[in-house]
């Protein structure tokens, strides 16, 4: 979670060849955030609150607390650039090279199963 919010990451991959496998990962992507903070103290009320659990834009734009990002570099909206999120994670001391390596590994392993 980031800022106590669940999120998902959309990255874009281009496969130009299967034999040999040639894969290109677009450097940026999209990160979509839930609009209400997650709590591990779940009860019947917040279990039903879709704004806590879902990251879909079409759902969260209906929440009065939804905030659009004002620019590609905005690190506060509920829909952010992947590069902006990476910069923030790096500022927090996360190993960005390792994160990117793991993502690429997952992409290749996913494609190899096809």
Protein backbone atom coordinates (compact mmCIF):
# COMPACT_ATOMS: atom_id res chain seq x y z
CA UNK A 1 0.00 0.00 0.00
CA UNK A 2 1.00 3.61 -0.53
CA UNK A 3 -0.48 6.31 1.72
CA UNK A 4 -2.59 3.55 3.28
CA UNK A 5 -4.34 2.96 -0.07
CA UNK A 6 -4.55 -0.21 -2.11
CA UNK A 7 -3.33 0.20 -5.68
CA UNK A 8 -2.77 -1.63 -8.93
CA UNK A 9 -0.15 -1.10 -11.59
CA UNK A 10 -0.76 -1.14 -15.34
CA UNK A 11 2.36 -1.70 -17.39
CA UNK A 12 2.43 -2.04 -21.16
CA UNK A 13 4.34 -4.83 -22.88
CA UNK A 14 4.95 -5.33 -26.59
CA UNK A 15 5.80 -8.82 -27.82
CA UNK A 16 7.29 -8.67 -31.32
CA UNK A 17 8.34 -12.29 -31.59
CA UNK A 18 7.58 -15.56 -29.87
CA UNK A 19 10.48 -17.57 -31.35
CA UNK A 20 12.87 -16.16 -30.31
CA UNK A 21 11.01 -14.31 -27.56
CA UNK A 22 11.35 -10.54 -28.01
CA UNK A 23 9.65 -8.40 -25.41
CA UNK A 24 9.63 -4.66 -24.85
CA UNK A 25 8.38 -2.98 -21.68
CA UNK A 26 7.21 0.60 -21.98
CA UNK A 27 9.07 2.66 -19.38
CA UNK A 28 5.95 4.30 -17.92
CA UNK A 29 2.59 2.98 -16.90
CA UNK A 30 -0.41 3.78 -14.79
CA UNK A 31 -1.05 3.30 -11.09
CA UNK A 32 -4.65 3.40 -9.89
CA UNK A 33 -5.43 3.88 -6.21
CA UNK A 34 -8.45 3.13 -4.08
CA UNK A 35 -9.96 6.34 -2.72
CA UNK A 36 -10.33 5.38 0.93
CA UNK A 37 -7.68 4.06 3.29
CA UNK A 38 -7.52 0.37 4.05
CA UNK A 39 -7.79 -0.82 7.63
CA UNK A 40 -6.93 -4.30 8.82
CA UNK A 41 -9.71 -3.87 11.39
CA UNK A 42 -12.41 -5.03 9.05
CA UNK A 43 -16.07 -4.98 9.99
CA UNK A 44 -19.30 -5.41 8.04
CA UNK A 45 -19.36 -1.72 7.09
CA UNK A 46 -15.91 -1.38 5.57
CA UNK A 47 -16.00 -4.90 4.07
CA UNK A 48 -18.77 -3.59 1.81
CA UNK A 49 -17.03 -0.28 1.03
CA UNK A 50 -15.89 -0.62 -2.58
CA UNK A 51 -13.83 2.59 -2.33
CA UNK A 52 -11.49 0.82 0.11
CA UNK A 53 -10.99 -2.38 -1.88
CA UNK A 54 -11.35 -1.55 -5.59
CA UNK A 55 -8.95 0.49 -7.68
CA UNK A 56 -11.14 0.83 -10.80
CA UNK A 57 -11.31 4.40 -12.06
CA UNK A 58 -14.97 4.00 -13.03
CA UNK A 59 -15.80 3.09 -9.42
CA UNK A 60 -13.55 5.56 -7.60
CA UNK A 61 -14.42 8.63 -9.66
CA UNK A 62 -17.84 8.45 -7.98
CA UNK A 63 -16.28 8.94 -4.53
CA UNK A 64 -16.45 12.60 -3.41
CA UNK A 65 -12.88 12.14 -2.13
CA UNK A 66 -11.52 11.23 -5.59
CA UNK A 67 -8.66 13.48 -6.63
CA UNK A 68 -7.37 13.80 -10.19
CA UNK A 69 -3.65 14.16 -10.67
CA UNK A 70 -2.84 17.65 -11.88
CA UNK A 71 0.22 16.59 -13.93
CA UNK A 72 2.34 13.56 -14.79
CA UNK A 73 4.55 14.38 -11.81
CA UNK A 74 1.68 14.72 -9.32
CA UNK A 75 2.23 12.30 -6.45
CA UNK A 76 -1.11 12.83 -4.74
CA UNK A 77 -3.92 11.89 -7.12
CA UNK A 78 -5.76 8.60 -7.26
CA UNK A 79 -4.45 7.92 -10.76
CA UNK A 80 -0.69 8.42 -11.08
CA UNK A 81 2.15 7.79 -13.45
CA UNK A 82 4.24 4.66 -12.74
CA UNK A 83 7.41 6.77 -13.04
CA UNK A 84 6.07 9.15 -10.39
CA UNK A 85 5.38 6.24 -8.04
CA UNK A 86 8.86 4.81 -8.72
CA UNK A 87 10.48 8.15 -7.89
CA UNK A 88 8.58 8.26 -4.63
CA UNK A 89 9.53 4.69 -3.74
CA UNK A 90 13.16 5.54 -4.47
CA UNK A 91 12.95 8.60 -2.19
CA UNK A 92 11.62 6.29 0.53
CA UNK A 93 14.72 4.12 0.16
CA UNK A 94 13.26 1.29 -1.91
CA UNK A 95 15.51 -0.54 -4.36
CA UNK A 96 14.04 0.51 -7.73
CA UNK A 97 16.41 -1.67 -9.75
CA UNK A 98 15.28 -4.74 -7.82
CA UNK A 99 11.60 -3.81 -8.24
CA UNK A 100 12.04 -3.38 -12.00
CA UNK A 101 14.01 -6.64 -12.24
CA UNK A 102 11.25 -8.56 -10.45
CA UNK A 103 8.59 -7.02 -12.69
CA UNK A 104 10.51 -7.97 -15.83
CA UNK A 105 11.00 -11.48 -14.45
CA UNK A 106 7.25 -11.84 -13.86
CA UNK A 107 6.51 -10.62 -17.40
CA UNK A 108 8.90 -13.12 -18.98
CA UNK A 109 7.64 -16.01 -16.84
CA UNK A 110 4.05 -15.11 -17.72
CA UNK A 111 4.84 -15.06 -21.43
CA UNK A 112 6.71 -18.37 -21.23
CA UNK A 113 3.58 -20.06 -19.92
CA UNK A 114 1.69 -19.13 -23.08
